[in-house]
Amino acid sequence: MEYRIIGEPMPVVECRLAPGESMMTERGSMCWMSPNLRMETGAGGLGKAFGRMFAGESLFLNRYTAQGGSGMIAFASSFPGSIRALSISPDRPMVVQKAGFLASEEGVELSVFFQKKLGAGFFGGEGFILQKLSGCGTAFVEVDGFAVEYDLAPGQQIVVDTGNLAMMDATCSIDIQSVKGVKNVLFGGEGLFNTVITGPGKVVLQTMPVNNFAAAMAPFFNTGN
């Protein structure tokens, strides 16, 4: 499979498939394709289907396969930002935000990722459940806004505002810390908690989470008319 990512800030990834090669997606994010691609919809197993549902995705997977020759298929993002290509291997799975998965090669497995610490799940900004990409192949992930990468050394930490975590290596861990000071909590506008990510591993942060964007736009729509 060959690909190119074009068109930011509303990007699309265009994939060129060899005969018999397949791509997987969950949300019907296909925007155009060559006529020789066949679509098949399936759950991929009951346990995996419910795991995907809890991770913020749909119960079903769409498989697009090139038949009778090479083919082309394109998947578009649902929000202004970036599309990142991830090289998934058995020794390097990735953890991504809910609803961040866009599409992947058939060898990539999407499953639920449970936080080991309850506090991080309930207050860390992305809920108790994230998505884990494992297996082998290329996966494409949506990032809200611009993507910024950091490589954390073992034990190195970064404090992240709620919702700004886009993805990280599965070797990283997540915890929370409360914002100190009553005035900071009441008037600082940063909420009660921040997310703390500890290395080792790569962390990708996003500059404009969709929830923050919706909150920023709300005053313009709630006019009372």
C-alpha atoms as a PDB file:
ATOM      1  CA  MET A   1       0.000   0.000   0.000  1.00  0.00           C
ATOM      2  CA  GLU A   2       1.205   3.468  -0.939  1.00  0.00           C
ATOM      3  CA  TYR A   3      -0.377   6.649   0.353  1.00  0.00           C
ATOM      4  CA  ARG A   4      -0.250  10.431   0.368  1.00  0.00           C
ATOM      5  CA  ILE A   5      -1.842  12.874   2.808  1.00  0.00           C
ATOM      6  CA  ILE A   6      -3.097  16.081   1.222  1.00  0.00           C
ATOM      7  CA  GLY A   7      -5.362  19.055   1.853  1.00  0.00           C
ATOM      8  CA  GLU A   8      -4.835  20.346   5.411  1.00  0.00           C
ATOM      9  CA  PRO A   9      -6.616  21.804   7.354  1.00  0.00           C
ATOM     10  CA  MET A  10      -9.303  19.376   6.132  1.00  0.00           C
ATOM     11  CA  PRO A  11      -6.968  16.557   5.088  1.00  0.00           C
ATOM     12  CA  VAL A  12      -7.584  13.371   3.187  1.00  0.00           C
ATOM     13  CA  VAL A  13      -5.355  10.313   2.870  1.00  0.00           C
ATOM     14  CA  GLU A  14      -5.312   8.725  -0.588  1.00  0.00           C
ATOM     15  CA  CYS A  15      -4.256   5.053  -0.569  1.00  0.00           C
ATOM     16  CA  ARG A  16      -3.071   3.061  -3.586  1.00  0.00           C
ATOM     17  CA  LEU A  17      -3.768  -0.648  -3.176  1.00  0.00           C
ATOM     18  CA  ALA A  18      -2.222  -3.607  -4.965  1.00  0.00           C
ATOM     19  CA  PRO A  19      -4.576  -6.290  -6.341  1.00  0.00           C
ATOM     20  CA  GLY A  20      -6.170  -8.152  -3.441  1.00  0.00           C
ATOM     21  CA  GLU A  21      -4.973  -5.630  -0.849  1.00  0.00           C
ATOM     22  CA  SER A  22      -7.507  -4.354   1.715  1.00  0.00           C
ATOM     23  CA  MET A  23      -8.114  -1.332   3.929  1.00  0.00           C
ATOM     24  CA  MET A  24     -10.244  -1.205   7.078  1.00  0.00           C
ATOM     25  CA  THR A  25     -12.343   1.653   8.431  1.00  0.00           C
ATOM     26  CA  GLU A  26     -15.115   1.976  11.010  1.00  0.00           C
ATOM     27  CA  ARG A  27     -17.097   5.143  10.484  1.00  0.00           C
ATOM     28  CA  GLY A  28     -17.859   5.244   6.799  1.00  0.00           C
ATOM     29  CA  SER A  29     -15.089   7.796   6.317  1.00  0.00           C
ATOM     30  CA  MET A  30     -14.450   6.733   2.711  1.00  0.00           C
ATOM     31  CA  CYS A  31     -14.897   9.789   0.479  1.00  0.00           C
ATOM     32  CA  TRP A  32     -13.968   8.424  -2.974  1.00  0.00           C
ATOM     33  CA  MET A  33     -12.523   5.283  -4.538  1.00  0.00           C
ATOM     34  CA  SER A  34     -11.920   3.516  -7.823  1.00  0.00           C
ATOM     35  CA  PRO A  35     -14.829   1.354  -9.051  1.00  0.00           C
ATOM     36  CA  ASN A  36     -12.975  -1.961  -8.621  1.00  0.00           C
ATOM     37  CA  LEU A  37     -12.941  -1.781  -4.809  1.00  0.00           C
ATOM     38  CA  ARG A  38     -15.379  -4.139  -3.099  1.00  0.00           C
ATOM     39  CA  MET A  39     -16.829  -3.189   0.285  1.00  0.00           C
ATOM     40  CA  GLU A  40     -17.715  -5.767   2.947  1.00  0.00           C
ATOM     41  CA  THR A  41     -19.178  -4.898   6.350  1.00  0.00           C
ATOM     42  CA  GLY A  42     -18.723  -7.155   9.374  1.00  0.00           C
ATOM     43  CA  ALA A  43     -18.397  -7.099  13.158  1.00  0.00           C
ATOM     44  CA  GLY A  44     -15.061  -8.920  13.304  1.00  0.00           C
ATOM     45  CA  GLY A  45     -16.139 -10.930  16.346  1.00  0.00           C
ATOM     46  CA  LEU A  46     -18.627 -10.030  19.070  1.00  0.00           C
ATOM     47  CA  GLY A  47     -16.040  -9.277  21.759  1.00  0.00           C
ATOM     48  CA  LYS A  48     -14.014  -6.983  19.521  1.00  0.00           C
ATOM     49  CA  ALA A  49     -17.187  -5.272  18.292  1.00  0.00           C
ATOM     50  CA  PHE A  50     -18.335  -4.332  21.804  1.00  0.00           C
ATOM     51  CA  GLY A  51     -14.794  -3.260  22.668  1.00  0.00           C
ATOM     52  CA  ARG A  52     -14.823  -0.865  19.725  1.00  0.00           C
ATOM     53  CA  MET A  53     -18.204   0.484  20.795  1.00  0.00           C
ATOM     54  CA  PHE A  54     -16.892   1.300  24.289  1.00  0.00           C
ATOM     55  CA  ALA A  55     -13.830   2.925  22.720  1.00  0.00           C
ATOM     56  CA  GLY A  56     -16.041   5.413  20.879  1.00  0.00           C
ATOM     57  CA  GLU A  57     -16.232   3.629  17.527  1.00  0.00           C
ATOM     58  CA  SER A  58     -18.969   1.728  15.717  1.00  0.00           C
ATOM     59  CA  LEU A  59     -19.783  -1.944  16.112  1.00  0.00           C
ATOM     60  CA  PHE A  60     -18.940  -2.750  12.516  1.00  0.00           C
ATOM     61  CA  LEU A  61     -15.881  -2.635  10.284  1.00  0.00           C
ATOM     62  CA  ASN A  62     -15.843  -1.822   6.575  1.00  0.00           C
ATOM     63  CA  ARG A  63     -13.267  -3.696   4.488  1.00  0.00           C
ATOM     64  CA  TYR A  64     -12.395  -2.324   1.037  1.00  0.00           C
ATOM     65  CA  THR A  65     -10.519  -4.750  -1.258  1.00  0.00           C
ATOM     66  CA  ALA A  66      -9.013  -4.040  -4.689  1.00  0.00           C
ATOM     67  CA  GLN A  67     -10.236  -6.592  -7.220  1.00  0.00           C
ATOM     68  CA  GLY A  68      -9.043  -7.303 -10.753  1.00  0.00           C
ATOM     69  CA  GLY A  69      -6.106  -4.902 -10.501  1.00  0.00           C
ATOM     70  CA  SER A  70      -4.743  -2.080  -8.404  1.00  0.00           C
ATOM     71  CA  GLY A  71      -7.132   0.399  -6.840  1.00  0.00           C
ATOM     72  CA  MET A  72      -7.401   3.738  -5.064  1.00  0.00           C
ATOM     73  CA  ILE A  73      -9.401   4.779  -2.003  1.00  0.00           C
ATOM     74  CA  ALA A  74      -9.412   8.018   0.013  1.00  0.00           C
ATOM     75  CA  PHE A  75     -10.435   8.644   3.625  1.00  0.00           C
ATOM     76  CA  ALA A  76     -11.209  12.160   4.895  1.00  0.00           C
ATOM     77  CA  SER A  77     -10.924  13.597   8.384  1.00  0.00           C
ATOM     78  CA  SER A  78     -14.080  14.721  10.181  1.00  0.00           C
ATOM     79  CA  PHE A  79     -12.620  17.881  11.758  1.00  0.00           C
ATOM     80  CA  PRO A  80     -10.005  20.485  10.750  1.00  0.00           C
ATOM     81  CA  GLY A  81      -6.574  19.248  11.729  1.00  0.00           C
ATOM     82  CA  SER A  82      -4.076  16.599  10.707  1.00  0.00           C
ATOM     83  CA  ILE A  83      -3.920  12.977   9.622  1.00  0.00           C
ATOM     84  CA  ARG A  84      -0.944  11.030  10.946  1.00  0.00           C
ATOM     85  CA  ALA A  85       0.337   7.737   9.539  1.00  0.00           C
ATOM     86  CA  LEU A  86       1.453   5.278  12.231  1.00  0.00           C
ATOM     87  CA  SER A  87       3.664   2.262  11.620  1.00  0.00           C
ATOM     88  CA  ILE A  88       2.190  -0.377  13.933  1.00  0.00           C
ATOM     89  CA  SER A  89       4.263  -3.437  14.836  1.00  0.00           C
ATOM     90  CA  PRO A  90       4.001  -6.171  17.505  1.00  0.00           C
ATOM     91  CA  ASP A  91       6.713  -4.453  19.560  1.00  0.00           C
ATOM     92  CA  ARG A  92       5.239  -0.958  19.175  1.00  0.00           C
ATOM     93  CA  PRO A  93       1.469  -0.675  19.662  1.00  0.00           C
ATOM     94  CA  MET A  94      -0.038   2.795  19.969  1.00  0.00           C
ATOM     95  CA  VAL A  95      -2.785   4.241  22.157  1.00  0.00           C
ATOM     96  CA  VAL A  96      -5.022   6.889  20.562  1.00  0.00           C
ATOM     97  CA  GLN A  97      -7.889   9.122  21.637  1.00  0.00           C
ATOM     98  CA  LYS A  98     -11.469   7.950  21.317  1.00  0.00           C
ATOM     99  CA  ALA A  99     -12.772   8.279  17.751  1.00  0.00           C
ATOM    100  CA  GLY A 100      -9.230   9.042  16.536  1.00  0.00           C
ATOM    101  CA  PHE A 101      -8.924   5.971  14.307  1.00  0.00           C
ATOM    102  CA  LEU A 102      -9.526   6.743  10.626  1.00  0.00           C
ATOM    103  CA  ALA A 103      -8.392   3.697   8.598  1.00  0.00           C
ATOM    104  CA  SER A 104      -5.684   1.049   8.456  1.00  0.00           C
ATOM    105  CA  GLU A 105      -4.235  -1.870   6.606  1.00  0.00           C
ATOM    106  CA  GLU A 106      -5.893  -5.194   7.339  1.00  0.00           C
ATOM    107  CA  GLY A 107      -3.103  -6.398   9.641  1.00  0.00           C
ATOM    108  CA  VAL A 108      -3.791  -3.693  12.244  1.00  0.00           C
ATOM    109  CA  GLU A 109      -6.081  -4.621  15.145  1.00  0.00           C
ATOM    110  CA  LEU A 110      -8.207  -2.061  16.973  1.00  0.00           C
ATOM    111  CA  SER A 111      -9.100  -2.872  20.573  1.00  0.00           C
ATOM    112  CA  VAL A 112     -10.112  -1.226  23.807  1.00  0.00           C
ATOM    113  CA  PHE A 113      -7.405   0.142  26.123  1.00  0.00           C
ATOM    114  CA  PHE A 114      -8.273   0.366  29.820  1.00  0.00           C
ATOM    115  CA  GLN A 115      -6.466   2.804  32.049  1.00  0.00           C
ATOM    116  CA  LYS A 116      -4.839   1.031  34.993  1.00  0.00           C
ATOM    117  CA  LYS A 117      -5.558   3.958  37.301  1.00  0.00           C
ATOM    118  CA  LEU A 118      -9.203   4.824  37.873  1.00  0.00           C
ATOM    119  CA  GLY A 119      -8.436   8.497  38.525  1.00  0.00           C
ATOM    120  CA  ALA A 120      -6.789   8.893  35.136  1.00  0.00           C
ATOM    121  CA  GLY A 121      -9.796   7.320  33.491  1.00  0.00           C
ATOM    122  CA  PHE A 122     -12.464   9.433  35.125  1.00  0.00           C
ATOM    123  CA  PHE A 123     -10.667  12.799  35.195  1.00  0.00           C
ATOM    124  CA  GLY A 124      -7.881  12.584  32.642  1.00  0.00           C
ATOM    125  CA  GLY A 125      -9.835  14.074  29.762  1.00  0.00           C
ATOM    126  CA  GLU A 126     -10.298  11.113  27.419  1.00  0.00           C
ATOM    127  CA  GLY A 127     -12.444   8.940  29.674  1.00  0.00           C
ATOM    128  CA  PHE A 128     -11.718   5.573  31.201  1.00  0.00           C
ATOM    129  CA  ILE A 129     -11.313   3.869  27.826  1.00  0.00           C
ATOM    130  CA  LEU A 130      -8.938   4.710  24.987  1.00  0.00           C
ATOM    131  CA  GLN A 131      -8.181   2.838  21.768  1.00  0.00           C
ATOM    132  CA  LYS A 132      -5.196   0.564  21.232  1.00  0.00           C
ATOM    133  CA  LEU A 133      -3.755  -0.138  17.777  1.00  0.00           C
ATOM    134  CA  SER A 134      -1.717  -3.342  17.625  1.00  0.00           C
ATOM    135  CA  GLY A 135      -0.705  -5.994  15.104  1.00  0.00           C
ATOM    136  CA  CYS A 136       1.273  -5.066  12.011  1.00  0.00           C
ATOM    137  CA  GLY A 137       0.710  -2.457   9.312  1.00  0.00           C
ATOM    138  CA  THR A 138       0.030   1.222   8.679  1.00  0.00           C
ATOM    139  CA  ALA A 139      -2.789   3.021  10.463  1.00  0.00           C
ATOM    140  CA  PHE A 140      -4.119   6.541   9.948  1.00  0.00           C
ATOM    141  CA  VAL A 141      -5.249   8.639  12.912  1.00  0.00           C
ATOM    142  CA  GLU A 142      -7.050  11.985  13.074  1.00  0.00           C
ATOM    143  CA  VAL A 143      -5.581  14.826  15.141  1.00  0.00           C
ATOM    144  CA  ASP A 144      -7.709  17.852  16.091  1.00  0.00           C
ATOM    145  CA  GLY A 145      -5.835  20.971  15.056  1.00  0.00           C
ATOM    146  CA  PHE A 146      -2.033  20.876  14.711  1.00  0.00           C
ATOM    147  CA  ALA A 147      -0.007  17.906  15.973  1.00  0.00           C
ATOM    148  CA  VAL A 148       3.018  18.439  18.246  1.00  0.00           C
ATOM    149  CA  GLU A 149       5.337  15.529  19.126  1.00  0.00           C
ATOM    150  CA  TYR A 150       7.484  14.914  22.192  1.00  0.00           C
ATOM    151  CA  ASP A 151       9.833  12.006  22.926  1.00  0.00           C
ATOM    152  CA  LEU A 152       9.797  11.325  26.653  1.00  0.00           C
ATOM    153  CA  ALA A 153      12.711   9.625  28.371  1.00  0.00           C
ATOM    154  CA  PRO A 154      12.035   6.999  31.072  1.00  0.00           C
ATOM    155  CA  GLY A 155      10.402   8.775  33.994  1.00  0.00           C
ATOM    156  CA  GLN A 156      10.133  12.098  32.124  1.00  0.00           C
ATOM    157  CA  GLN A 157       6.720  13.737  32.433  1.00  0.00           C
ATOM    158  CA  ILE A 158       4.608  16.275  30.618  1.00  0.00           C
ATOM    159  CA  VAL A 159       1.463  17.919  32.019  1.00  0.00           C
ATOM    160  CA  VAL A 160      -1.323  18.208  29.466  1.00  0.00           C
ATOM    161  CA  ASP A 161      -4.611  20.078  29.569  1.00  0.00           C
ATOM    162  CA  THR A 162      -7.755  17.986  29.297  1.00  0.00           C
ATOM    163  CA  GLY A 163      -8.349  16.587  25.819  1.00  0.00           C
ATOM    164  CA  ASN A 164      -5.024  17.603  24.273  1.00  0.00           C
ATOM    165  CA  LEU A 165      -3.633  14.064  24.201  1.00  0.00           C
ATOM    166  CA  ALA A 166      -4.016  12.684  20.669  1.00  0.00           C
ATOM    167  CA  MET A 167      -1.897   9.526  20.892  1.00  0.00           C
ATOM    168  CA  MET A 168       1.086   7.968  22.632  1.00  0.00           C
ATOM    169  CA  ASP A 169       3.257   4.876  22.666  1.00  0.00           C
ATOM    170  CA  ALA A 170       1.753   2.108  24.791  1.00  0.00           C
ATOM    171  CA  THR A 171       4.917   2.268  26.925  1.00  0.00           C
ATOM    172  CA  CYS A 172       3.758   5.623  28.335  1.00  0.00           C
ATOM    173  CA  SER A 173       1.454   5.845  31.338  1.00  0.00           C
ATOM    174  CA  ILE A 174      -1.288   8.319  32.258  1.00  0.00           C
ATOM    175  CA  ASP A 175      -2.217   9.800  35.629  1.00  0.00           C
ATOM    176  CA  ILE A 176      -3.903  12.989  36.840  1.00  0.00           C
ATOM    177  CA  GLN A 177      -2.987  15.805  39.159  1.00  0.00           C
ATOM    178  CA  SER A 178      -5.315  18.365  40.688  1.00  0.00           C
ATOM    179  CA  VAL A 179      -4.855  22.063  40.044  1.00  0.00           C
ATOM    180  CA  LYS A 180      -3.472  23.581  43.257  1.00  0.00           C
ATOM    181  CA  GLY A 181      -4.943  26.695  44.830  1.00  0.00           C
ATOM    182  CA  VAL A 182      -8.589  27.694  45.268  1.00  0.00           C
ATOM    183  CA  LYS A 183      -8.205  30.854  43.161  1.00  0.00           C
ATOM    184  CA  ASN A 184      -6.499  28.869  40.416  1.00  0.00           C
ATOM    185  CA  VAL A 185      -9.399  26.409  40.350  1.00  0.00           C
ATOM    186  CA  LEU A 186     -12.143  29.049  40.486  1.00  0.00           C
ATOM    187  CA  PHE A 187     -10.661  31.693  38.199  1.00  0.00           C
ATOM    188  CA  GLY A 188      -7.859  30.051  36.235  1.00  0.00           C
ATOM    189  CA  GLY A 189     -10.157  28.557  33.614  1.00  0.00           C
ATOM    190  CA  GLU A 190      -8.168  25.296  33.488  1.00  0.00           C
ATOM    191  CA  GLY A 191     -10.607  23.050  35.362  1.00  0.00           C
ATOM    192  CA  LEU A 192      -9.896  20.835  38.361  1.00  0.00           C
ATOM    193  CA  PHE A 193      -7.425  18.365  36.891  1.00  0.00           C
ATOM    194  CA  ASN A 194      -4.581  18.054  34.425  1.00  0.00           C
ATOM    195  CA  THR A 195      -3.346  14.904  32.711  1.00  0.00           C
ATOM    196  CA  VAL A 196       0.201  13.751  33.477  1.00  0.00           C
ATOM    197  CA  ILE A 197       1.931  11.531  30.893  1.00  0.00           C
ATOM    198  CA  THR A 198       5.067   9.657  31.925  1.00  0.00           C
ATOM    199  CA  GLY A 199       7.623   8.165  29.539  1.00  0.00           C
ATOM    200  CA  PRO A 200       9.309   6.392  27.996  1.00  0.00           C
ATOM    201  CA  GLY A 201       7.794   6.865  24.589  1.00  0.00           C
ATOM    202  CA  LYS A 202       6.481   9.268  21.986  1.00  0.00           C
ATOM    203  CA  VAL A 203       3.529  11.529  22.777  1.00  0.00           C
ATOM    204  CA  VAL A 204       1.504  13.406  20.151  1.00  0.00           C
ATOM    205  CA  LEU A 205      -0.546  16.345  21.394  1.00  0.00           C
ATOM    206  CA  GLN A 206      -3.282  18.240  19.558  1.00  0.00           C
ATOM    207  CA  THR A 207      -3.747  22.005  19.669  1.00  0.00           C
ATOM    208  CA  MET A 208      -7.536  22.218  19.245  1.00  0.00           C
ATOM    209  CA  PRO A 209      -9.578  19.342  20.716  1.00  0.00           C
ATOM    210  CA  VAL A 210     -13.035  19.217  19.186  1.00  0.00           C
ATOM    211  CA  ASN A 211     -14.641  19.731  22.620  1.00  0.00           C
ATOM    212  CA  ASN A 212     -12.658  22.939  23.144  1.00  0.00           C
ATOM    213  CA  PHE A 213     -13.652  24.138  19.688  1.00  0.00           C
ATOM    214  CA  ALA A 214     -17.327  23.472  20.425  1.00  0.00           C
ATOM    215  CA  ALA A 215     -17.068  25.382  23.732  1.00  0.00           C
ATOM    216  CA  ALA A 216     -15.391  28.337  22.002  1.00  0.00           C
ATOM    217  CA  MET A 217     -18.131  28.492  19.369  1.00  0.00           C
ATOM    218  CA  ALA A 218     -21.065  28.035  21.759  1.00  0.00           C
ATOM    219  CA  PRO A 219     -21.508  31.756  22.646  1.00  0.00           C
ATOM    220  CA  PHE A 220     -22.017  32.560  18.966  1.00  0.00           C
ATOM    221  CA  PHE A 221     -24.891  30.078  18.680  1.00  0.00           C
ATOM    222  CA  ASN A 222     -26.587  30.583  22.063  1.00  0.00           C
ATOM    223  CA  THR A 223     -27.957  34.014  21.256  1.00  0.00           C
ATOM    224  CA  GLY A 224     -31.318  33.456  22.923  1.00  0.00           C
ATOM    225  CA  ASN A 225     -33.230  34.083  19.707  1.00  0.00           C
END
